[in-house]
Amino acid sequence: MKPILEIEKLDAGYNSLKVLEDVDMFLDKKEIVAIIGPNGAGKSTVIKAIFGIANQTGGKIVLNGKDISTLKTHELIKEGVCYVNQGRVIFGDLSVKENLEIGTRLEKDKKELNKRLEEVYQRFPILKERAKESAYTLSGGQQQMLALGRALMQKPKVLLLDEPSLGLSPKLQKEIFQIIKDLRDEGISIMIVEQNAKKAIEIADRTYLLENGKVALVGKGKDLLRNKKIKQIYLGGA
């Protein structure tokens, strides 16, 4: 079976700044792939390049056998690729429900919209409870649920997550990581950039270590937790 997403010889960056060089990665269906590494390694640039935010200067990105390297963001969403960016960007002046509906602006069928909304509410009951409240009144964990919910409103095949646990308490981090695993088990393919290397490796089916814009190491899930380099540098020697 071919991967749902393939990254081949990717070069990417911002304006004249080259961040990634000759990066090869792939994501299988119903799989979590984690990208870890030091600050400035280019982790976020990988998923930003996939979503058309970073400048791709070489290589190609393939989704289900189709080259999507030149597609615009709205075209990628139609293809089933969704991105939840770092910092839980929400529209604080809008209600929780209005934030979720922004994620369905490409869908015109009202019945389908209501169905998707109810599915999100079932997954995140707190969002239904606070549907009419302004999004800025939500806690950090609730805002992350809202950001995920908005992406799920678009019925993604591939979900790109940039630092989903950033700024959350250990308890809320655990909840978010469990949600990510549940989404994988339900059939969504997920690529996650995460500063919490240990937790990312634990939930991932496969993990890429990125250093200086290049893939330095790749391994299957928890096997990497026994890797000497990973333990010393990224897990505090644990």
C-alpha atoms as a PDB file:
ATOM      1  CA  MET A   1       0.000   0.000   0.000  1.00  0.00           C
ATOM      2  CA  LYS A   2       1.371   3.406  -0.976  1.00  0.00           C
ATOM      3  CA  PRO A   3       1.696   6.153   1.646  1.00  0.00           C
ATOM      4  CA  ILE A   4      -1.063   8.742   1.758  1.00  0.00           C
ATOM      5  CA  LEU A   5       1.569  11.512   1.867  1.00  0.00           C
ATOM      6  CA  GLU A   6       5.082  11.486   0.410  1.00  0.00           C
ATOM      7  CA  ILE A   7       7.736  14.185   0.741  1.00  0.00           C
ATOM      8  CA  GLU A   8      10.567  13.743  -1.736  1.00  0.00           C
ATOM      9  CA  LYS A   9      13.861  15.688  -1.755  1.00  0.00           C
ATOM     10  CA  LEU A  10      12.134  18.715  -0.234  1.00  0.00           C
ATOM     11  CA  ASP A  11      13.921  22.062  -0.116  1.00  0.00           C
ATOM     12  CA  ALA A  12      11.978  24.860   1.571  1.00  0.00           C
ATOM     13  CA  GLY A  13      12.294  28.084   3.539  1.00  0.00           C
ATOM     14  CA  TYR A  14      11.154  31.679   3.756  1.00  0.00           C
ATOM     15  CA  ASN A  15      12.037  34.269   1.112  1.00  0.00           C
ATOM     16  CA  SER A  16      15.805  33.869   0.602  1.00  0.00           C
ATOM     17  CA  LEU A  17      16.313  31.833   3.792  1.00  0.00           C
ATOM     18  CA  LYS A  18      16.753  28.130   3.099  1.00  0.00           C
ATOM     19  CA  VAL A  19      15.615  26.002   6.042  1.00  0.00           C
ATOM     20  CA  LEU A  20      15.087  22.482   4.671  1.00  0.00           C
ATOM     21  CA  GLU A  21      17.394  20.588   2.355  1.00  0.00           C
ATOM     22  CA  ASP A  22      16.760  17.267   0.625  1.00  0.00           C
ATOM     23  CA  VAL A  23      14.142  16.077   3.133  1.00  0.00           C
ATOM     24  CA  ASP A  24      12.457  12.716   2.525  1.00  0.00           C
ATOM     25  CA  MET A  25       9.489  11.656   4.660  1.00  0.00           C
ATOM     26  CA  PHE A  26       6.274   9.701   4.265  1.00  0.00           C
ATOM     27  CA  LEU A  27       3.006   9.255   6.119  1.00  0.00           C
ATOM     28  CA  ASP A  28       0.943   6.093   5.846  1.00  0.00           C
ATOM     29  CA  LYS A  29      -2.815   5.912   6.161  1.00  0.00           C
ATOM     30  CA  LYS A  30      -4.079   5.738   9.740  1.00  0.00           C
ATOM     31  CA  GLU A  31      -0.650   6.613  11.124  1.00  0.00           C
ATOM     32  CA  ILE A  32       0.911   9.216  13.413  1.00  0.00           C
ATOM     33  CA  VAL A  33       4.301  10.519  12.326  1.00  0.00           C
ATOM     34  CA  ALA A  34       6.164  12.808  14.725  1.00  0.00           C
ATOM     35  CA  ILE A  35       8.881  15.308  13.836  1.00  0.00           C
ATOM     36  CA  ILE A  36      11.236  16.206  16.672  1.00  0.00           C
ATOM     37  CA  GLY A  37      14.487  18.124  16.935  1.00  0.00           C
ATOM     38  CA  PRO A  38      16.130  21.223  18.397  1.00  0.00           C
ATOM     39  CA  ASN A  39      14.797  24.737  17.945  1.00  0.00           C
ATOM     40  CA  GLY A  40      15.561  26.046  14.470  1.00  0.00           C
ATOM     41  CA  ALA A  41      15.901  22.568  12.963  1.00  0.00           C
ATOM     42  CA  GLY A  42      13.058  23.204  10.515  1.00  0.00           C
ATOM     43  CA  LYS A  43      10.371  21.026  12.098  1.00  0.00           C
ATOM     44  CA  SER A  44       7.503  23.464  11.595  1.00  0.00           C
ATOM     45  CA  THR A  45       8.782  24.353   8.139  1.00  0.00           C
ATOM     46  CA  VAL A  46       8.070  20.790   6.987  1.00  0.00           C
ATOM     47  CA  ILE A  47       4.353  20.993   7.660  1.00  0.00           C
ATOM     48  CA  LYS A  48       4.190  24.630   6.563  1.00  0.00           C
ATOM     49  CA  ALA A  49       5.697  23.606   3.228  1.00  0.00           C
ATOM     50  CA  ILE A  50       3.112  20.835   2.887  1.00  0.00           C
ATOM     51  CA  PHE A  51       0.341  23.368   3.531  1.00  0.00           C
ATOM     52  CA  GLY A  52       1.787  25.953   1.143  1.00  0.00           C
ATOM     53  CA  ILE A  53       2.829  28.464   3.816  1.00  0.00           C
ATOM     54  CA  ALA A  54       6.610  28.046   3.540  1.00  0.00           C
ATOM     55  CA  ASN A  55       8.278  28.457   0.145  1.00  0.00           C
ATOM     56  CA  GLN A  56       9.054  25.154  -1.533  1.00  0.00           C
ATOM     57  CA  THR A  57      12.145  25.547  -3.727  1.00  0.00           C
ATOM     58  CA  GLY A  58      12.841  21.942  -4.604  1.00  0.00           C
ATOM     59  CA  GLY A  59      11.486  18.410  -4.492  1.00  0.00           C
ATOM     60  CA  LYS A  60       7.832  17.465  -4.443  1.00  0.00           C
ATOM     61  CA  ILE A  61       4.948  16.656  -2.114  1.00  0.00           C
ATOM     62  CA  VAL A  62       2.556  13.897  -3.169  1.00  0.00           C
ATOM     63  CA  LEU A  63      -0.897  13.134  -1.719  1.00  0.00           C
ATOM     64  CA  ASN A  64      -2.512   9.841  -2.750  1.00  0.00           C
ATOM     65  CA  GLY A  65      -0.323   9.741  -5.843  1.00  0.00           C
ATOM     66  CA  LYS A  66      -1.080  13.351  -6.841  1.00  0.00           C
ATOM     67  CA  ASP A  67       1.603  16.046  -6.818  1.00  0.00           C
ATOM     68  CA  ILE A  68       0.238  18.821  -4.579  1.00  0.00           C
ATOM     69  CA  SER A  69       3.416  20.918  -4.479  1.00  0.00           C
ATOM     70  CA  THR A  70       1.875  23.894  -6.272  1.00  0.00           C
ATOM     71  CA  LEU A  71      -1.620  23.820  -4.770  1.00  0.00           C
ATOM     72  CA  LYS A  72      -2.933  26.804  -2.816  1.00  0.00           C
ATOM     73  CA  THR A  73      -4.138  26.453   0.768  1.00  0.00           C
ATOM     74  CA  HIS A  74      -7.847  26.340  -0.125  1.00  0.00           C
ATOM     75  CA  GLU A  75      -7.107  23.685  -2.757  1.00  0.00           C
ATOM     76  CA  LEU A  76      -5.213  21.604  -0.204  1.00  0.00           C
ATOM     77  CA  ILE A  77      -8.194  21.777   2.158  1.00  0.00           C
ATOM     78  CA  LYS A  78     -10.413  20.451  -0.642  1.00  0.00           C
ATOM     79  CA  GLU A  79      -7.936  17.592  -1.084  1.00  0.00           C
ATOM     80  CA  GLY A  80      -8.328  16.742   2.607  1.00  0.00           C
ATOM     81  CA  VAL A  81      -5.210  18.348   4.110  1.00  0.00           C
ATOM     82  CA  CYS A  82      -5.774  20.464   7.242  1.00  0.00           C
ATOM     83  CA  TYR A  83      -3.333  22.404   9.406  1.00  0.00           C
ATOM     84  CA  VAL A  84      -3.558  23.429  13.066  1.00  0.00           C
ATOM     85  CA  ASN A  85      -0.866  25.994  13.649  1.00  0.00           C
ATOM     86  CA  GLN A  86       1.233  26.704  16.699  1.00  0.00           C
ATOM     87  CA  GLY A  87      -0.362  28.999  19.263  1.00  0.00           C
ATOM     88  CA  ARG A  88      -3.967  27.859  18.797  1.00  0.00           C
ATOM     89  CA  VAL A  89      -4.942  30.735  16.514  1.00  0.00           C
ATOM     90  CA  ILE A  90      -8.633  31.391  17.102  1.00  0.00           C
ATOM     91  CA  PHE A  91     -10.928  34.354  16.538  1.00  0.00           C
ATOM     92  CA  GLY A  92     -11.461  35.615  20.070  1.00  0.00           C
ATOM     93  CA  ASP A  93     -14.223  38.083  19.211  1.00  0.00           C
ATOM     94  CA  LEU A  94     -16.329  35.343  17.626  1.00  0.00           C
ATOM     95  CA  SER A  95     -18.298  32.727  19.523  1.00  0.00           C
ATOM     96  CA  VAL A  96     -17.098  29.151  19.835  1.00  0.00           C
ATOM     97  CA  LYS A  97     -19.750  28.036  17.329  1.00  0.00           C
ATOM     98  CA  GLU A  98     -18.773  30.761  14.850  1.00  0.00           C
ATOM     99  CA  ASN A  99     -15.135  29.684  15.098  1.00  0.00           C
ATOM    100  CA  LEU A 100     -16.124  26.124  14.246  1.00  0.00           C
ATOM    101  CA  GLU A 101     -18.248  27.249  11.319  1.00  0.00           C
ATOM    102  CA  ILE A 102     -15.268  29.088   9.831  1.00  0.00           C
ATOM    103  CA  GLY A 103     -13.828  25.638   9.233  1.00  0.00           C
ATOM    104  CA  THR A 104     -16.693  24.802   6.873  1.00  0.00           C
ATOM    105  CA  ARG A 105     -16.766  27.861   4.647  1.00  0.00           C
ATOM    106  CA  LEU A 106     -16.178  25.641   1.610  1.00  0.00           C
ATOM    107  CA  GLU A 107     -19.178  23.428   2.436  1.00  0.00           C
ATOM    108  CA  LYS A 108     -22.571  24.728   1.250  1.00  0.00           C
ATOM    109  CA  ASP A 109     -24.835  21.879   2.412  1.00  0.00           C
ATOM    110  CA  LYS A 110     -26.424  23.094   5.675  1.00  0.00           C
ATOM    111  CA  LYS A 111     -27.466  19.593   6.715  1.00  0.00           C
ATOM    112  CA  GLU A 112     -23.888  18.409   6.315  1.00  0.00           C
ATOM    113  CA  LEU A 113     -22.615  21.417   8.289  1.00  0.00           C
ATOM    114  CA  ASN A 114     -24.928  20.636  11.200  1.00  0.00           C
ATOM    115  CA  LYS A 115     -23.866  16.989  11.124  1.00  0.00           C
ATOM    116  CA  ARG A 116     -20.198  17.946  11.342  1.00  0.00           C
ATOM    117  CA  LEU A 117     -20.914  20.402  14.136  1.00  0.00           C
ATOM    118  CA  GLU A 118     -22.647  17.718  16.183  1.00  0.00           C
ATOM    119  CA  GLU A 119     -19.739  15.337  15.616  1.00  0.00           C
ATOM    120  CA  VAL A 120     -17.327  17.938  17.000  1.00  0.00           C
ATOM    121  CA  TYR A 121     -19.621  18.605  19.955  1.00  0.00           C
ATOM    122  CA  GLN A 122     -19.743  14.884  20.729  1.00  0.00           C
ATOM    123  CA  ARG A 123     -15.955  14.754  20.789  1.00  0.00           C
ATOM    124  CA  PHE A 124     -15.565  18.002  22.746  1.00  0.00           C
ATOM    125  CA  PRO A 125     -18.692  18.447  24.940  1.00  0.00           C
ATOM    126  CA  ILE A 126     -17.227  21.585  26.541  1.00  0.00           C
ATOM    127  CA  LEU A 127     -17.429  23.333  23.158  1.00  0.00           C
ATOM    128  CA  LYS A 128     -21.157  22.627  22.994  1.00  0.00           C
ATOM    129  CA  GLU A 129     -21.610  23.910  26.541  1.00  0.00           C
ATOM    130  CA  ARG A 130     -19.852  27.135  25.640  1.00  0.00           C
ATOM    131  CA  ALA A 131     -20.962  27.384  22.006  1.00  0.00           C
ATOM    132  CA  LYS A 132     -22.412  30.889  22.362  1.00  0.00           C
ATOM    133  CA  GLU A 133     -19.554  32.301  24.440  1.00  0.00           C
ATOM    134  CA  SER A 134     -16.653  34.301  23.018  1.00  0.00           C
ATOM    135  CA  ALA A 135     -13.700  32.109  22.150  1.00  0.00           C
ATOM    136  CA  TYR A 136     -11.272  34.276  24.127  1.00  0.00           C
ATOM    137  CA  THR A 137     -12.978  33.178  27.378  1.00  0.00           C
ATOM    138  CA  LEU A 138     -11.819  29.575  26.874  1.00  0.00           C
ATOM    139  CA  SER A 139      -8.848  28.126  28.751  1.00  0.00           C
ATOM    140  CA  GLY A 140      -5.695  27.144  26.866  1.00  0.00           C
ATOM    141  CA  GLY A 141      -6.755  23.517  26.685  1.00  0.00           C
ATOM    142  CA  GLN A 142     -10.239  24.438  25.515  1.00  0.00           C
ATOM    143  CA  GLN A 143      -8.777  26.716  22.846  1.00  0.00           C
ATOM    144  CA  GLN A 144      -6.682  23.808  21.587  1.00  0.00           C
ATOM    145  CA  MET A 145      -9.829  21.676  21.439  1.00  0.00           C
ATOM    146  CA  LEU A 146     -11.492  24.474  19.473  1.00  0.00           C
ATOM    147  CA  ALA A 147      -8.581  24.656  17.035  1.00  0.00           C
ATOM    148  CA  LEU A 148      -8.723  20.884  16.543  1.00  0.00           C
ATOM    149  CA  GLY A 149     -12.499  20.976  16.231  1.00  0.00           C
ATOM    150  CA  ARG A 150     -12.301  23.639  13.543  1.00  0.00           C
ATOM    151  CA  ALA A 151      -9.912  21.443  11.550  1.00  0.00           C
ATOM    152  CA  LEU A 152     -12.150  18.393  12.000  1.00  0.00           C
ATOM    153  CA  MET A 153     -15.082  20.368  10.578  1.00  0.00           C
ATOM    154  CA  GLN A 154     -13.234  20.114   7.251  1.00  0.00           C
ATOM    155  CA  LYS A 155     -13.234  16.286   7.332  1.00  0.00           C
ATOM    156  CA  PRO A 156      -9.463  15.924   6.899  1.00  0.00           C
ATOM    157  CA  LYS A 157      -7.675  12.895   5.539  1.00  0.00           C
ATOM    158  CA  VAL A 158      -4.337  14.325   6.652  1.00  0.00           C
ATOM    159  CA  LEU A 159      -4.014  16.477   9.774  1.00  0.00           C
ATOM    160  CA  LEU A 160      -0.896  18.606  10.299  1.00  0.00           C
ATOM    161  CA  LEU A 161      -0.358  19.646  13.927  1.00  0.00           C
ATOM    162  CA  ASP A 162       2.236  22.223  14.981  1.00  0.00           C
ATOM    163  CA  GLU A 163       3.143  22.042  18.701  1.00  0.00           C
ATOM    164  CA  PRO A 164      -0.324  21.018  19.961  1.00  0.00           C
ATOM    165  CA  SER A 165       0.825  20.688  23.593  1.00  0.00           C
ATOM    166  CA  LEU A 166       2.611  24.049  23.787  1.00  0.00           C
ATOM    167  CA  GLY A 167       1.696  25.997  26.922  1.00  0.00           C
ATOM    168  CA  LEU A 168      -0.624  23.332  28.324  1.00  0.00           C
ATOM    169  CA  SER A 169      -0.485  21.737  31.762  1.00  0.00           C
ATOM    170  CA  PRO A 170       0.671  18.090  31.964  1.00  0.00           C
ATOM    171  CA  LYS A 171      -2.942  17.012  32.544  1.00  0.00           C
ATOM    172  CA  LEU A 172      -4.206  18.855  29.461  1.00  0.00           C
ATOM    173  CA  GLN A 173      -1.257  17.625  27.404  1.00  0.00           C
ATOM    174  CA  LYS A 174      -2.272  14.068  28.256  1.00  0.00           C
ATOM    175  CA  GLU A 175      -5.841  14.771  27.117  1.00  0.00           C
ATOM    176  CA  ILE A 176      -4.716  16.316  23.825  1.00  0.00           C
ATOM    177  CA  PHE A 177      -2.343  13.445  23.037  1.00  0.00           C
ATOM    178  CA  GLN A 178      -5.128  10.937  23.734  1.00  0.00           C
ATOM    179  CA  ILE A 179      -7.402  12.829  21.335  1.00  0.00           C
ATOM    180  CA  ILE A 180      -4.672  12.682  18.675  1.00  0.00           C
ATOM    181  CA  LYS A 181      -4.378   8.900  19.122  1.00  0.00           C
ATOM    182  CA  ASP A 182      -8.155   8.541  18.915  1.00  0.00           C
ATOM    183  CA  LEU A 183      -8.221  10.499  15.646  1.00  0.00           C
ATOM    184  CA  ARG A 184      -5.544   8.194  14.215  1.00  0.00           C
ATOM    185  CA  ASP A 185      -7.536   5.141  15.263  1.00  0.00           C
ATOM    186  CA  GLU A 186     -10.579   6.587  13.483  1.00  0.00           C
ATOM    187  CA  GLY A 187      -8.653   6.750  10.212  1.00  0.00           C
ATOM    188  CA  ILE A 188      -7.051  10.200  10.057  1.00  0.00           C
ATOM    189  CA  SER A 189      -3.364  10.308   9.119  1.00  0.00           C
ATOM    190  CA  ILE A 190      -1.499  12.739  11.365  1.00  0.00           C
ATOM    191  CA  MET A 191       1.861  14.496  11.124  1.00  0.00           C
ATOM    192  CA  ILE A 192       2.801  16.217  14.356  1.00  0.00           C
ATOM    193  CA  VAL A 193       5.591  18.653  15.199  1.00  0.00           C
ATOM    194  CA  GLU A 194       6.134  18.549  18.942  1.00  0.00           C
ATOM    195  CA  GLN A 195       8.596  20.038  21.450  1.00  0.00           C
ATOM    196  CA  ASN A 196       7.754  17.323  24.003  1.00  0.00           C
ATOM    197  CA  ALA A 197       9.966  14.720  22.331  1.00  0.00           C
ATOM    198  CA  LYS A 198       9.252  11.876  24.753  1.00  0.00           C
ATOM    199  CA  LYS A 199       5.490  12.177  24.469  1.00  0.00           C
ATOM    200  CA  ALA A 200       5.651  12.601  20.690  1.00  0.00           C
ATOM    201  CA  ILE A 201       7.716   9.427  20.321  1.00  0.00           C
ATOM    202  CA  GLU A 202       5.365   7.517  22.632  1.00  0.00           C
ATOM    203  CA  ILE A 203       2.251   8.240  20.578  1.00  0.00           C
ATOM    204  CA  ALA A 204       3.874   8.082  17.125  1.00  0.00           C
ATOM    205  CA  ASP A 205       4.037   5.077  14.849  1.00  0.00           C
ATOM    206  CA  ARG A 206       7.223   6.558  13.386  1.00  0.00           C
ATOM    207  CA  THR A 207       9.408   9.531  14.330  1.00  0.00           C
ATOM    208  CA  TYR A 208      11.795  11.698  12.322  1.00  0.00           C
ATOM    209  CA  LEU A 209      14.634  13.573  14.017  1.00  0.00           C
ATOM    210  CA  LEU A 210      15.400  16.772  12.148  1.00  0.00           C
ATOM    211  CA  GLU A 211      18.694  18.624  12.632  1.00  0.00           C
ATOM    212  CA  ASN A 212      19.916  21.628  10.642  1.00  0.00           C
ATOM    213  CA  GLY A 213      17.140  21.211   8.108  1.00  0.00           C
ATOM    214  CA  LYS A 214      17.928  17.583   7.327  1.00  0.00           C
ATOM    215  CA  VAL A 215      16.640  14.207   8.502  1.00  0.00           C
ATOM    216  CA  ALA A 216      19.232  12.924  10.984  1.00  0.00           C
ATOM    217  CA  LEU A 217      17.401   9.833  12.187  1.00  0.00           C
ATOM    218  CA  VAL A 218      14.161   7.956  11.673  1.00  0.00           C
ATOM    219  CA  GLY A 219      12.744   5.178  13.790  1.00  0.00           C
ATOM    220  CA  LYS A 220       9.585   3.350  14.727  1.00  0.00           C
ATOM    221  CA  GLY A 221       7.774   4.687  17.745  1.00  0.00           C
ATOM    222  CA  LYS A 222       9.120   3.577  21.100  1.00  0.00           C
ATOM    223  CA  ASP A 223      12.283   2.028  19.582  1.00  0.00           C
ATOM    224  CA  LEU A 224      13.680   5.555  19.501  1.00  0.00           C
ATOM    225  CA  LEU A 225      13.243   5.908  23.258  1.00  0.00           C
ATOM    226  CA  ARG A 226      16.110   3.414  23.615  1.00  0.00           C
ATOM    227  CA  ASN A 227      18.355   5.267  21.152  1.00  0.00           C
ATOM    228  CA  LYS A 228      21.413   6.629  22.985  1.00  0.00           C
ATOM    229  CA  LYS A 229      21.508   9.947  21.112  1.00  0.00           C
ATOM    230  CA  ILE A 230      17.796  10.564  21.584  1.00  0.00           C
ATOM    231  CA  LYS A 231      18.029   9.743  25.291  1.00  0.00           C
ATOM    232  CA  GLN A 232      21.028  11.980  25.933  1.00  0.00           C
ATOM    233  CA  ILE A 233      20.041  15.035  23.914  1.00  0.00           C
ATOM    234  CA  TYR A 234      16.245  15.066  23.746  1.00  0.00           C
ATOM    235  CA  LEU A 235      15.133  13.131  26.811  1.00  0.00           C
ATOM    236  CA  GLY A 236      17.536  14.645  29.329  1.00  0.00           C
ATOM    237  CA  GLY A 237      19.518  11.436  29.629  1.00  0.00           C
ATOM    238  CA  ALA A 238      16.484   9.600  31.017  1.00  0.00           C
END
